[in-house]
């Protein structure tokens, strides 16, 4: 019915806007992702830090000069794929809003 009053008004008081405790626990998938990223970060820091293993980019490049072409290709590929996916998702969202 064409009234001009809002049916869903926002709360005006600070108490009404305070965060409510959630009734549900954090989903297991989020916990696995969270702790998995922490574990991966610790492994990555240990594996690719000169203080722990002595690994350096210069040392790896000197040890395998034949792989430089494939490394450049993989770097471009791993940069282009997410960019293409992001552009594709943006285009899909843009098309969904119009349609």
N, C-alpha and C. Protein backbone atom coordinates (compact mmCIF):
# COMPACT_ATOMS: atom_id res chain seq x y z
N UNK A 1 0.85 -1.14 0.00
CA UNK A 1 0.00 0.00 0.00
C UNK A 1 0.91 1.22 0.00
N UNK A 2 0.85 2.16 -0.64
CA UNK A 2 1.80 3.22 -0.93
C UNK A 2 2.12 4.19 0.18
N UNK A 3 2.28 3.74 1.43
CA UNK A 3 2.63 4.65 2.52
C UNK A 3 4.07 5.13 2.41
N UNK A 4 4.36 6.22 3.10
CA UNK A 4 5.70 6.77 3.05
C UNK A 4 6.50 6.50 4.31
N UNK A 5 5.91 5.85 5.30
CA UNK A 5 6.65 5.56 6.53
C UNK A 5 7.51 4.31 6.34
N UNK A 6 8.61 4.29 7.07
CA UNK A 6 9.51 3.14 6.99
C UNK A 6 9.02 2.04 7.92
N UNK A 7 8.95 0.83 7.40
CA UNK A 7 8.54 -0.30 8.21
C UNK A 7 9.72 -0.87 9.01
N UNK A 8 10.93 -0.64 8.55
CA UNK A 8 12.09 -1.24 9.18
C UNK A 8 13.06 -0.12 9.59
N UNK A 9 12.80 0.52 10.72
CA UNK A 9 13.63 1.63 11.16
C UNK A 9 14.85 1.10 11.90
N UNK A 10 15.94 1.85 11.79
CA UNK A 10 17.17 1.50 12.49
C UNK A 10 17.10 1.95 13.93
N UNK A 11 17.79 1.24 14.83
CA UNK A 11 17.76 1.64 16.25
C UNK A 11 18.50 2.96 16.47
N UNK A 12 18.02 3.73 17.45
CA UNK A 12 18.61 5.03 17.73
C UNK A 12 19.56 5.04 18.91
N UNK A 13 19.48 4.07 19.78
CA UNK A 13 20.28 4.10 21.01
C UNK A 13 21.56 3.28 20.85
N UNK A 14 22.56 3.62 21.65
CA UNK A 14 23.83 2.89 21.62
C UNK A 14 23.63 1.45 22.08
N UNK A 15 22.78 1.23 23.06
CA UNK A 15 22.54 -0.13 23.56
C UNK A 15 21.93 -1.01 22.48
N UNK A 16 21.06 -0.45 21.66
CA UNK A 16 20.41 -1.22 20.60
C UNK A 16 21.37 -1.56 19.48
N UNK A 17 22.42 -0.73 19.31
CA UNK A 17 23.37 -0.97 18.22
C UNK A 17 24.57 -1.81 18.65
N UNK A 18 24.66 -2.17 19.93
CA UNK A 18 25.78 -2.99 20.38
C UNK A 18 25.70 -4.37 19.77
N UNK A 19 26.88 -4.98 19.67
CA UNK A 19 26.97 -6.30 19.05
C UNK A 19 26.26 -7.33 19.92
N UNK A 20 25.46 -8.12 19.29
CA UNK A 20 24.76 -9.20 19.98
C UNK A 20 25.63 -10.45 19.92
N UNK A 21 25.59 -11.22 20.96
CA UNK A 21 26.32 -12.49 20.96
C UNK A 21 25.69 -13.42 19.93
N UNK A 22 26.54 -14.14 19.23
CA UNK A 22 26.01 -15.05 18.21
C UNK A 22 25.50 -16.32 18.86
N UNK A 23 24.50 -16.88 18.26
CA UNK A 23 23.92 -18.10 18.77
C UNK A 23 24.63 -19.33 18.24
N UNK A 24 25.47 -19.16 17.23
CA UNK A 24 26.13 -20.29 16.59
C UNK A 24 27.64 -20.17 16.72
N UNK A 25 28.28 -21.32 16.75
CA UNK A 25 29.74 -21.34 16.78
C UNK A 25 30.28 -21.04 15.38
N UNK A 26 31.57 -20.74 15.32
CA UNK A 26 32.21 -20.49 14.03
C UNK A 26 32.19 -21.80 13.23
N UNK A 27 31.82 -21.77 11.95
CA UNK A 27 31.79 -22.99 11.15
C UNK A 27 33.17 -23.65 11.08
N UNK A 28 33.17 -24.96 11.02
CA UNK A 28 34.42 -25.71 11.01
C UNK A 28 35.30 -25.35 9.82
N UNK A 29 34.70 -25.08 8.68
CA UNK A 29 35.47 -24.72 7.49
C UNK A 29 36.28 -23.44 7.70
N UNK A 30 35.69 -22.47 8.40
CA UNK A 30 36.42 -21.23 8.67
C UNK A 30 37.58 -21.47 9.62
N UNK A 31 37.37 -22.35 10.61
CA UNK A 31 38.45 -22.66 11.53
C UNK A 31 39.59 -23.40 10.83
N UNK A 32 39.23 -24.33 9.95
CA UNK A 32 40.26 -25.05 9.19
C UNK A 32 41.04 -24.07 8.31
N UNK A 33 40.33 -23.17 7.65
CA UNK A 33 41.00 -22.17 6.81
C UNK A 33 41.91 -21.28 7.65
N UNK A 34 41.42 -20.80 8.78
CA UNK A 34 42.18 -19.90 9.63
C UNK A 34 43.47 -20.55 10.12
N UNK A 35 43.35 -21.72 10.73
CA UNK A 35 44.54 -22.38 11.27
C UNK A 35 45.42 -22.95 10.16
N UNK A 36 44.82 -23.34 9.04
CA UNK A 36 45.61 -23.80 7.90
C UNK A 36 46.47 -22.68 7.33
N UNK A 37 45.93 -21.48 7.24
CA UNK A 37 46.71 -20.34 6.75
C UNK A 37 47.84 -19.98 7.71
N UNK A 38 47.59 -20.10 9.00
CA UNK A 38 48.65 -19.85 9.98
C UNK A 38 49.75 -20.90 9.83
N UNK A 39 49.37 -22.17 9.70
CA UNK A 39 50.37 -23.23 9.54
C UNK A 39 51.13 -23.06 8.23
N UNK A 40 50.44 -22.73 7.15
CA UNK A 40 51.12 -22.51 5.87
C UNK A 40 52.09 -21.35 5.96
N UNK A 41 51.68 -20.26 6.61
CA UNK A 41 52.55 -19.11 6.78
C UNK A 41 53.81 -19.45 7.56
N UNK A 42 53.67 -20.25 8.62
CA UNK A 42 54.84 -20.65 9.40
C UNK A 42 55.77 -21.53 8.56
N UNK A 43 55.18 -22.47 7.81
CA UNK A 43 56.00 -23.33 6.93
C UNK A 43 56.70 -22.49 5.87
N UNK A 44 56.00 -21.57 5.24
CA UNK A 44 56.57 -20.73 4.19
C UNK A 44 57.69 -19.87 4.74
N UNK A 45 57.47 -19.29 5.91
CA UNK A 45 58.50 -18.46 6.53
C UNK A 45 59.76 -19.28 6.82
N UNK A 46 59.58 -20.50 7.33
CA UNK A 46 60.73 -21.35 7.61
C UNK A 46 61.43 -21.80 6.33
N UNK A 47 60.67 -22.20 5.33
CA UNK A 47 61.24 -22.75 4.10
C UNK A 47 61.96 -21.72 3.27
N UNK A 48 61.43 -20.52 3.17
CA UNK A 48 62.00 -19.52 2.26
C UNK A 48 62.66 -18.35 2.98
N UNK A 49 63.13 -18.57 4.18
CA UNK A 49 63.87 -17.52 4.90
C UNK A 49 65.35 -17.87 4.92
N UNK A 50 66.21 -16.94 4.58
CA UNK A 50 67.65 -17.22 4.59
C UNK A 50 68.17 -17.58 5.98
N UNK A 51 67.57 -17.09 7.03
CA UNK A 51 68.04 -17.39 8.38
C UNK A 51 67.78 -18.83 8.78
N UNK A 52 66.81 -19.49 8.18
CA UNK A 52 66.49 -20.86 8.60
C UNK A 52 67.11 -21.92 7.69
N UNK A 53 67.06 -21.72 6.37
CA UNK A 53 67.55 -22.74 5.45
C UNK A 53 68.67 -22.26 4.55
N UNK A 54 68.92 -20.95 4.53
CA UNK A 54 69.94 -20.42 3.65
C UNK A 54 69.45 -20.21 2.23
N UNK A 55 68.17 -20.40 1.99
CA UNK A 55 67.60 -20.25 0.65
C UNK A 55 67.59 -18.78 0.25
N UNK A 56 67.97 -18.50 -1.00
CA UNK A 56 67.86 -17.15 -1.56
C UNK A 56 67.38 -17.26 -3.00
N UNK A 57 66.76 -16.22 -3.47
CA UNK A 57 66.32 -16.21 -4.86
C UNK A 57 67.52 -16.24 -5.79
N UNK A 58 68.57 -15.51 -5.45
CA UNK A 58 69.77 -15.48 -6.29
C UNK A 58 70.40 -16.86 -6.37
N UNK A 59 70.44 -17.57 -5.26
CA UNK A 59 70.98 -18.93 -5.27
C UNK A 59 70.15 -19.89 -6.10
N UNK A 60 68.85 -19.78 -6.02
CA UNK A 60 67.98 -20.64 -6.82
C UNK A 60 68.12 -20.32 -8.30
N UNK A 61 68.23 -19.05 -8.64
CA UNK A 61 68.38 -18.66 -10.04
C UNK A 61 69.72 -19.14 -10.59
N UNK A 62 70.78 -19.05 -9.81
CA UNK A 62 72.09 -19.50 -10.26
C UNK A 62 72.14 -21.02 -10.42
N UNK A 63 71.37 -21.74 -9.62
CA UNK A 63 71.38 -23.20 -9.67
C UNK A 63 70.61 -23.74 -10.87
N UNK A 64 69.65 -23.01 -11.38
CA UNK A 64 68.80 -23.53 -12.45
C UNK A 64 68.55 -22.47 -13.51
N UNK A 65 69.58 -22.06 -14.28
CA UNK A 65 69.35 -21.02 -15.28
C UNK A 65 68.47 -21.48 -16.44
N UNK A 66 68.35 -22.78 -16.69
CA UNK A 66 67.53 -23.26 -17.81
C UNK A 66 66.04 -23.07 -17.53
N UNK A 67 65.68 -22.93 -16.28
CA UNK A 67 64.27 -22.82 -15.92
C UNK A 67 63.76 -21.38 -15.94
N UNK A 68 64.60 -20.43 -16.28
CA UNK A 68 64.18 -19.03 -16.23
C UNK A 68 62.99 -18.78 -17.13
N UNK A 69 62.98 -19.31 -18.35
CA UNK A 69 61.86 -19.11 -19.26
C UNK A 69 60.56 -19.67 -18.71
N UNK A 70 60.61 -20.85 -18.13
CA UNK A 70 59.38 -21.42 -17.57
C UNK A 70 58.96 -20.68 -16.31
N UNK A 71 59.91 -20.16 -15.54
CA UNK A 71 59.55 -19.39 -14.35
C UNK A 71 58.84 -18.09 -14.74
N UNK A 72 59.33 -17.46 -15.79
CA UNK A 72 58.68 -16.23 -16.25
C UNK A 72 57.27 -16.55 -16.75
N UNK A 73 57.12 -17.65 -17.48
CA UNK A 73 55.81 -18.06 -17.97
C UNK A 73 54.86 -18.33 -16.81
N UNK A 74 55.34 -19.05 -15.78
CA UNK A 74 54.48 -19.37 -14.64
C UNK A 74 54.11 -18.11 -13.87
N UNK A 75 55.04 -17.17 -13.76
CA UNK A 75 54.74 -15.92 -13.06
C UNK A 75 53.65 -15.15 -13.80
N UNK A 76 53.76 -15.08 -15.11
CA UNK A 76 52.74 -14.40 -15.90
C UNK A 76 51.41 -15.14 -15.80
N UNK A 77 51.47 -16.46 -15.86
CA UNK A 77 50.25 -17.27 -15.77
C UNK A 77 49.55 -17.06 -14.42
N UNK A 78 50.30 -17.11 -13.34
CA UNK A 78 49.70 -16.96 -12.02
C UNK A 78 49.25 -15.53 -11.74
N UNK A 79 49.70 -14.60 -12.54
CA UNK A 79 49.21 -13.22 -12.42
C UNK A 79 47.99 -13.02 -13.32
N UNK A 80 48.03 -13.60 -14.51
CA UNK A 80 46.96 -13.39 -15.48
C UNK A 80 45.69 -14.15 -15.11
N UNK A 81 45.81 -15.36 -14.58
CA UNK A 81 44.61 -16.14 -14.25
C UNK A 81 43.73 -15.47 -13.20
N UNK A 82 44.27 -15.06 -12.06
CA UNK A 82 43.39 -14.38 -11.10
C UNK A 82 42.83 -13.07 -11.63
N UNK A 83 43.63 -12.36 -12.42
CA UNK A 83 43.14 -11.11 -13.00
C UNK A 83 41.98 -11.39 -13.95
N UNK A 84 42.13 -12.41 -14.79
CA UNK A 84 41.05 -12.77 -15.72
C UNK A 84 39.81 -13.23 -14.96
N UNK A 85 40.01 -13.98 -13.88
CA UNK A 85 38.87 -14.42 -13.07
C UNK A 85 38.16 -13.24 -12.42
N UNK A 86 38.93 -12.28 -11.91
CA UNK A 86 38.32 -11.10 -11.29
C UNK A 86 37.55 -10.27 -12.31
N UNK A 87 38.11 -10.10 -13.49
CA UNK A 87 37.42 -9.36 -14.55
C UNK A 87 36.16 -10.10 -14.98
N UNK A 88 36.26 -11.43 -15.10
CA UNK A 88 35.08 -12.23 -15.46
C UNK A 88 33.98 -12.12 -14.43
N UNK A 89 34.33 -12.19 -13.13
CA UNK A 89 33.32 -12.05 -12.09
C UNK A 89 32.71 -10.65 -12.09
N UNK A 90 33.54 -9.64 -12.34
CA UNK A 90 33.03 -8.28 -12.40
C UNK A 90 32.04 -8.14 -13.55
N UNK A 91 32.37 -8.72 -14.71
CA UNK A 91 31.47 -8.65 -15.86
C UNK A 91 30.17 -9.40 -15.59
N UNK A 92 30.27 -10.56 -14.93
CA UNK A 92 29.06 -11.31 -14.60
C UNK A 92 28.17 -10.53 -13.64
N UNK A 93 28.78 -9.90 -12.63
CA UNK A 93 28.01 -9.10 -11.69
C UNK A 93 27.37 -7.90 -12.37
N UNK A 94 28.12 -7.30 -13.24
CA UNK A 94 27.61 -6.14 -13.98
C UNK A 94 26.43 -6.53 -14.86
N UNK A 95 26.53 -7.71 -15.51
CA UNK A 95 25.44 -8.19 -16.34
C UNK A 95 24.23 -8.60 -15.52
N UNK A 96 24.45 -9.12 -14.31
CA UNK A 96 23.34 -9.53 -13.45
C UNK A 96 22.57 -8.33 -12.94
N UNK A 97 23.24 -7.22 -12.70
CA UNK A 97 22.56 -6.03 -12.21
C UNK A 97 21.68 -5.42 -13.29
N UNK A 98 22.12 -5.50 -14.55
CA UNK A 98 21.35 -4.93 -15.65
C UNK A 98 20.15 -5.80 -16.00
N UNK A 99 20.34 -7.12 -15.87
CA UNK A 99 19.31 -8.03 -16.33
C UNK A 99 18.30 -8.36 -15.35
